[in-house]
C-alpha cells in the first residue's frame, strides 16, 4: 500500500502542478504505480475543472464563452504545460518533412519553431470551440474528468505497446520499470472510474463512445509514431494526450449537438 501511495504522489509530482512537498525515490515499485496512476492523475485534473464549471453554473457566473477559455487554460496549467510542449515538439518535427533521425533531433531541440506555434494555436482553437459549443448544450460536469482520464489511459497503452524511439528520455525511464501488466492495471482503474460516470449524469452510451474513440486513436497512433518518429517518446505521449483531449471534446460536441437537434 505504501508503494502504491508513493507511486500516486510521484504521478502527481510529475504530471500535475499540485504541490507535493515530499521526496520520493525513483525506483521500480514506485514507477510501476506511477504508470498505473497516470489516468487517475488526469481524472483529478479534470475533476478540479469539473468543480470550477459546476460552481460557475450554479451561480450563473459569466458566459459559456468565458467558461470555455478559462477551463481550457486551467487544464493546461494543471498539467504544467508538459503535454502542450510535447505537442509543439512533435509538430515541429512532423512538419519538417525530414527523415526519422532528423525528426528525433528536432524534437530534442529546445527551440520553438513556427510550425509548433501554429499547430498549438490550431489545436487549442478547435478545443476551445468544442468546449464552448458543448457548454452551451449543458454537458454534465463529470465529462471534464472523463476526457483527461481517457487520454492518459490511451497514452499508457501507447507507452506499453509502442516501440521506443530512443533509449533515453521520459518514455524510456517509464518503460524501464514498467510493463504491459502496469498498462493493464491503468486500464482497469480507468474502467472502474468510467463505470461511476453514469451516476454523475453521463449516459452510459456516451461513456462507451468516448472509450471506443480513444481506443481507436491509440491503435492508430502506434504505427503512425513508429513510422514518423521511429517510435514512442515523451513528446509523442504528450502530443497524444493533447490531441486526444481535443478529439474527445469534438466527439462530445457532436454527440450533444445531435441530441439537442
Protein backbone atom coordinates (compact mmCIF):
# COMPACT_ATOMS: atom_id res chain seq x y z
CA UNK A 1 0.00 0.00 0.00
CA UNK A 2 2.87 2.37 0.78
CA UNK A 3 4.37 1.73 -2.64
CA UNK A 4 1.04 2.47 -4.31
CA UNK A 5 0.68 5.70 -2.35
CA UNK A 6 4.21 6.81 -3.21
CA UNK A 7 3.59 5.98 -6.87
CA UNK A 8 0.42 8.08 -6.81
CA UNK A 9 2.27 11.01 -5.27
CA UNK A 10 5.05 10.61 -7.82
CA UNK A 11 2.47 10.74 -10.62
CA UNK A 12 1.08 13.98 -9.18
CA UNK A 13 4.57 15.46 -8.89
CA UNK A 14 5.48 14.53 -12.45
CA UNK A 15 2.26 15.15 -14.35
CA UNK A 16 0.49 17.93 -12.42
CA UNK A 17 1.27 21.24 -10.75
CA UNK A 18 -0.28 20.08 -7.47
CA UNK A 19 2.39 20.89 -4.84
CA UNK A 20 3.62 17.63 -3.30
CA UNK A 21 6.34 18.59 -0.80
CA UNK A 22 7.91 15.19 -0.46
CA UNK A 23 10.99 13.46 -1.83
CA UNK A 24 10.03 10.13 -3.41
CA UNK A 25 12.63 7.66 -4.63
CA UNK A 26 12.58 6.78 -8.33
CA UNK A 27 12.61 3.00 -8.16
CA UNK A 28 10.88 0.07 -9.87
CA UNK A 29 7.97 -0.27 -7.43
CA UNK A 30 7.17 3.44 -7.38
CA UNK A 31 7.44 3.86 -11.15
CA UNK A 32 5.13 0.89 -11.75
CA UNK A 33 2.47 2.52 -9.61
CA UNK A 34 3.17 5.89 -11.24
CA UNK A 35 2.31 4.38 -14.63
CA UNK A 36 -0.78 2.70 -13.18
CA UNK A 37 -1.95 6.00 -11.71
CA UNK A 38 -1.37 8.18 -14.78
CA UNK A 39 -5.05 8.11 -15.84
CA UNK A 40 -6.15 8.87 -12.28
CA UNK A 41 -3.87 11.92 -12.23
CA UNK A 42 -5.66 13.09 -15.37
CA UNK A 43 -9.03 12.41 -13.76
CA UNK A 44 -8.04 14.54 -10.77
CA UNK A 45 -7.13 17.45 -13.06
CA UNK A 46 -10.46 17.01 -14.79
CA UNK A 47 -12.33 16.79 -11.50
CA UNK A 48 -10.93 20.16 -10.45
CA UNK A 49 -12.09 21.63 -13.76
CA UNK A 50 -15.48 20.00 -13.26
CA UNK A 51 -15.74 21.62 -9.84
CA UNK A 52 -14.99 25.05 -11.29
CA UNK A 53 -17.55 24.51 -14.05
CA UNK A 54 -20.21 23.31 -11.60
CA UNK A 55 -19.56 26.31 -9.36
CA UNK A 56 -19.90 28.77 -12.22
CA UNK A 57 -23.04 27.03 -13.47
CA UNK A 58 -24.73 27.15 -10.08
CA UNK A 59 -24.14 30.87 -9.73
CA UNK A 60 -24.77 31.67 -13.43
CA UNK A 61 -21.46 33.49 -13.42
CA UNK A 62 -20.30 34.95 -16.74
CA UNK A 63 -21.00 33.08 -20.01
CA UNK A 64 -20.01 29.84 -21.79
CA UNK A 65 -17.58 31.91 -23.86
CA UNK A 66 -15.57 32.77 -20.75
CA UNK A 67 -16.01 29.35 -19.13
CA UNK A 68 -14.61 27.61 -22.21
CA UNK A 69 -11.49 29.79 -22.27
CA UNK A 70 -10.92 29.51 -18.52
CA UNK A 71 -11.41 25.74 -18.43
CA UNK A 72 -9.18 25.28 -21.47
CA UNK A 73 -6.26 27.02 -19.82
CA UNK A 74 -6.97 25.55 -16.38
CA UNK A 75 -6.44 22.05 -17.74
CA UNK A 76 -3.17 23.01 -19.45
CA UNK A 77 -1.90 24.85 -16.39
CA UNK A 78 -2.77 21.97 -14.05
CA UNK A 79 -0.68 19.67 -16.27
CA UNK A 80 2.21 22.11 -16.11
CA UNK A 81 2.16 22.70 -19.86
CA UNK A 82 4.17 19.48 -20.25
CA UNK A 83 1.90 17.83 -22.80
CA UNK A 84 1.44 21.04 -24.77
CA UNK A 85 5.22 21.29 -25.01
CA UNK A 86 5.34 17.74 -26.36
CA UNK A 87 2.68 18.57 -28.93
CA UNK A 88 4.73 21.55 -30.12
CA UNK A 89 7.92 19.49 -30.41
CA UNK A 90 6.15 16.76 -32.36
CA UNK A 91 4.55 19.34 -34.67
CA UNK A 92 7.90 20.95 -35.42
CA UNK A 93 9.41 17.57 -36.22
CA UNK A 94 6.49 16.27 -38.27
CA UNK A 95 6.14 19.35 -40.45
CA UNK A 96 9.87 19.48 -41.13
CA UNK A 97 9.33 16.64 -43.65
CA UNK A 98 12.77 15.25 -42.79
CA UNK A 99 13.85 11.65 -42.16
CA UNK A 100 13.24 9.92 -38.83
CA UNK A 101 16.69 10.65 -37.41
CA UNK A 102 16.42 14.36 -38.15
CA UNK A 103 12.91 14.46 -36.69
CA UNK A 104 14.21 12.96 -33.45
CA UNK A 105 16.88 15.66 -33.34
CA UNK A 106 14.27 18.38 -33.88
CA UNK A 107 12.14 17.04 -31.02
CA UNK A 108 15.19 17.17 -28.74
CA UNK A 109 15.90 20.80 -29.70
CA UNK A 110 14.74 23.26 -27.05
CA UNK A 111 13.98 25.95 -29.63
CA UNK A 112 10.39 26.52 -30.75
CA UNK A 113 9.65 26.74 -34.46
CA UNK A 114 6.85 28.39 -36.40
CA UNK A 115 5.07 25.10 -37.05
CA UNK A 116 4.97 24.40 -33.32
CA UNK A 117 3.28 27.71 -32.57
CA UNK A 118 0.82 27.48 -35.43
CA UNK A 119 -0.08 23.88 -34.59
CA UNK A 120 -0.71 24.67 -30.93
CA UNK A 121 -2.88 27.67 -31.85
CA UNK A 122 -4.87 25.48 -34.23
CA UNK A 123 -5.26 22.69 -31.64
CA UNK A 124 -6.37 24.97 -28.82
CA UNK A 125 -8.67 26.96 -31.08
CA UNK A 126 -10.56 23.83 -32.04
CA UNK A 127 -10.68 22.62 -28.43
CA UNK A 128 -11.99 25.99 -27.27
CA UNK A 129 -14.65 25.84 -29.98
CA UNK A 130 -15.70 22.31 -28.96
CA UNK A 131 -15.76 23.33 -25.29
CA UNK A 132 -17.80 26.43 -25.99
CA UNK A 133 -20.37 24.61 -28.10
CA UNK A 134 -20.56 21.76 -25.58
CA UNK A 135 -21.04 24.09 -22.63
CA UNK A 136 -23.90 25.77 -24.42
CA UNK A 137 -25.73 22.45 -24.52
CA UNK A 138 -25.22 21.95 -20.77
CA UNK A 139 -22.88 18.94 -20.66
CA UNK A 140 -22.52 17.06 -17.33
CA UNK A 141 -19.52 18.36 -15.34
CA UNK A 142 -18.26 14.77 -14.93
CA UNK A 143 -17.19 14.78 -18.58
CA UNK A 144 -14.35 17.10 -17.61
CA UNK A 145 -12.92 14.22 -15.58
CA UNK A 146 -13.61 11.60 -18.27
CA UNK A 147 -11.65 13.34 -21.03
CA UNK A 148 -8.20 13.60 -19.35
CA UNK A 149 -8.75 10.18 -17.77
CA UNK A 150 -9.21 8.55 -21.18
CA UNK A 151 -6.45 10.49 -22.94
CA UNK A 152 -3.90 9.37 -20.35
CA UNK A 153 -5.18 5.81 -20.38
CA UNK A 154 -4.54 5.77 -24.12
CA UNK A 155 -1.06 7.20 -23.53
CA UNK A 156 -0.25 4.43 -21.04
CA UNK A 157 -1.28 1.79 -23.58
CA UNK A 158 0.85 3.53 -26.22
CA UNK A 159 3.81 3.61 -23.82
CA UNK A 160 3.43 -0.11 -23.16
CA UNK A 161 2.73 -1.35 -26.69
CA UNK A 162 4.80 1.01 -28.83
CA UNK A 163 8.45 0.72 -29.77
CA UNK A 164 10.68 3.25 -28.02
CA UNK A 165 12.07 5.96 -30.28
CA UNK A 166 15.27 6.26 -28.25
CA UNK A 167 16.91 4.66 -25.20
CA UNK A 168 16.81 7.87 -23.18
CA UNK A 169 14.12 10.34 -22.14
CA UNK A 170 10.85 10.21 -20.22
CA UNK A 171 9.25 7.33 -22.10
CA UNK A 172 12.38 5.21 -21.73
CA UNK A 173 12.59 5.97 -18.00
CA UNK A 174 8.98 4.90 -17.50
CA UNK A 175 9.32 1.76 -19.64
CA UNK A 176 12.47 0.67 -17.81
CA UNK A 177 10.47 -0.27 -14.73
CA UNK A 178 7.00 -0.91 -16.17
CA UNK A 179 5.39 -3.49 -18.46
CA UNK A 180 2.09 -4.38 -20.12
CA UNK A 181 0.84 -5.55 -16.72
CA UNK A 182 1.03 -1.98 -15.43
CA UNK A 183 -0.82 -0.75 -18.52
CA UNK A 184 -3.49 -3.37 -17.79
CA UNK A 185 -3.74 -2.02 -14.23
CA UNK A 186 -4.10 1.53 -15.56
CA UNK A 187 -6.81 0.48 -18.00
CA UNK A 188 -8.60 -1.46 -15.25
CA UNK A 189 -8.61 1.56 -12.93
CA UNK A 190 -9.83 3.68 -15.84
CA UNK A 191 -12.76 1.32 -16.41
CA UNK A 192 -13.70 1.49 -12.73
CA UNK A 193 -13.86 5.29 -12.88
CA UNK A 194 -15.83 5.17 -16.14
CA UNK A 195 -18.41 2.91 -14.52
CA UNK A 196 -19.05 5.66 -11.96
CA UNK A 197 -19.83 8.30 -14.59
CA UNK A 198 -23.47 7.29 -15.22
CA UNK A 199 -24.16 8.00 -11.55
CA UNK A 200 -22.74 11.50 -12.17
CA UNK A 201 -25.14 12.18 -15.03
CA UNK A 202 -23.13 10.96 -18.03
CA UNK A 203 -25.15 8.50 -20.16
CA UNK A 204 -23.55 5.07 -20.47
CA UNK A 205 -23.77 5.30 -24.27
CA UNK A 206 -21.66 8.48 -24.21
CA UNK A 207 -19.08 6.79 -21.98
CA UNK A 208 -18.91 3.83 -24.38
CA UNK A 209 -18.49 6.04 -27.44
CA UNK A 210 -15.70 8.09 -25.83
CA UNK A 211 -13.87 4.95 -24.72
CA UNK A 212 -14.18 3.45 -28.20
CA UNK A 213 -12.90 6.61 -29.88
CA UNK A 214 -9.88 6.76 -27.58
CA UNK A 215 -9.15 3.08 -28.19
CA UNK A 216 -9.17 3.71 -31.96
CA UNK A 217 -6.91 6.75 -31.55
CA UNK A 218 -4.45 4.68 -29.51
CA UNK A 219 -4.38 1.89 -32.08
CA UNK A 220 -3.82 4.39 -34.90
CA UNK A 221 -1.15 6.36 -33.01
CA UNK A 222 1.19 3.38 -32.56
CA UNK A 223 2.06 2.68 -36.22
CA UNK A 224 1.98 6.41 -37.00
CA UNK A 225 4.52 7.24 -34.27
CA UNK A 226 6.77 4.36 -35.26
CA UNK A 227 6.73 5.42 -38.90
CA UNK A 228 7.14 9.16 -38.38
CA UNK A 229 9.46 9.27 -35.36
CA UNK A 230 10.89 5.79 -35.01
CA UNK A 231 8.70 5.00 -32.03
CA UNK A 232 7.25 6.44 -28.85
CA UNK A 233 8.91 9.19 -26.82
CA UNK A 234 7.84 11.53 -24.05
CA UNK A 235 7.00 14.18 -26.63
CA UNK A 236 4.86 11.73 -28.60
CA UNK A 237 2.95 10.77 -25.45
CA UNK A 238 2.37 14.43 -24.62
CA UNK A 239 1.18 15.14 -28.16
CA UNK A 240 -1.15 12.16 -27.98
CA UNK A 241 -2.68 13.41 -24.73
CA UNK A 242 -3.27 16.91 -26.07
CA UNK A 243 -4.57 15.71 -29.41
CA UNK A 244 -6.69 13.04 -27.76
CA UNK A 245 -8.40 15.54 -25.48
CA UNK A 246 -9.26 17.75 -28.43
CA UNK A 247 -10.68 14.78 -30.35
CA UNK A 248 -12.78 13.69 -27.36
CA UNK A 249 -14.23 17.17 -26.88
CA UNK A 250 -15.08 17.18 -30.57
CA UNK A 251 -16.93 13.89 -30.12
CA UNK A 252 -18.75 15.26 -27.05
CA UNK A 253 -19.83 18.30 -29.05
CA UNK A 254 -21.11 16.13 -31.89
CA UNK A 255 -23.00 13.81 -29.53
CA UNK A 256 -24.68 16.62 -27.61
CA UNK A 257 -25.41 18.62 -30.76
CA UNK A 258 -27.12 15.57 -32.24
CA UNK A 259 -29.10 15.00 -29.05
CA UNK A 260 -30.22 18.62 -28.92
CA UNK A 261 -31.19 18.53 -32.59
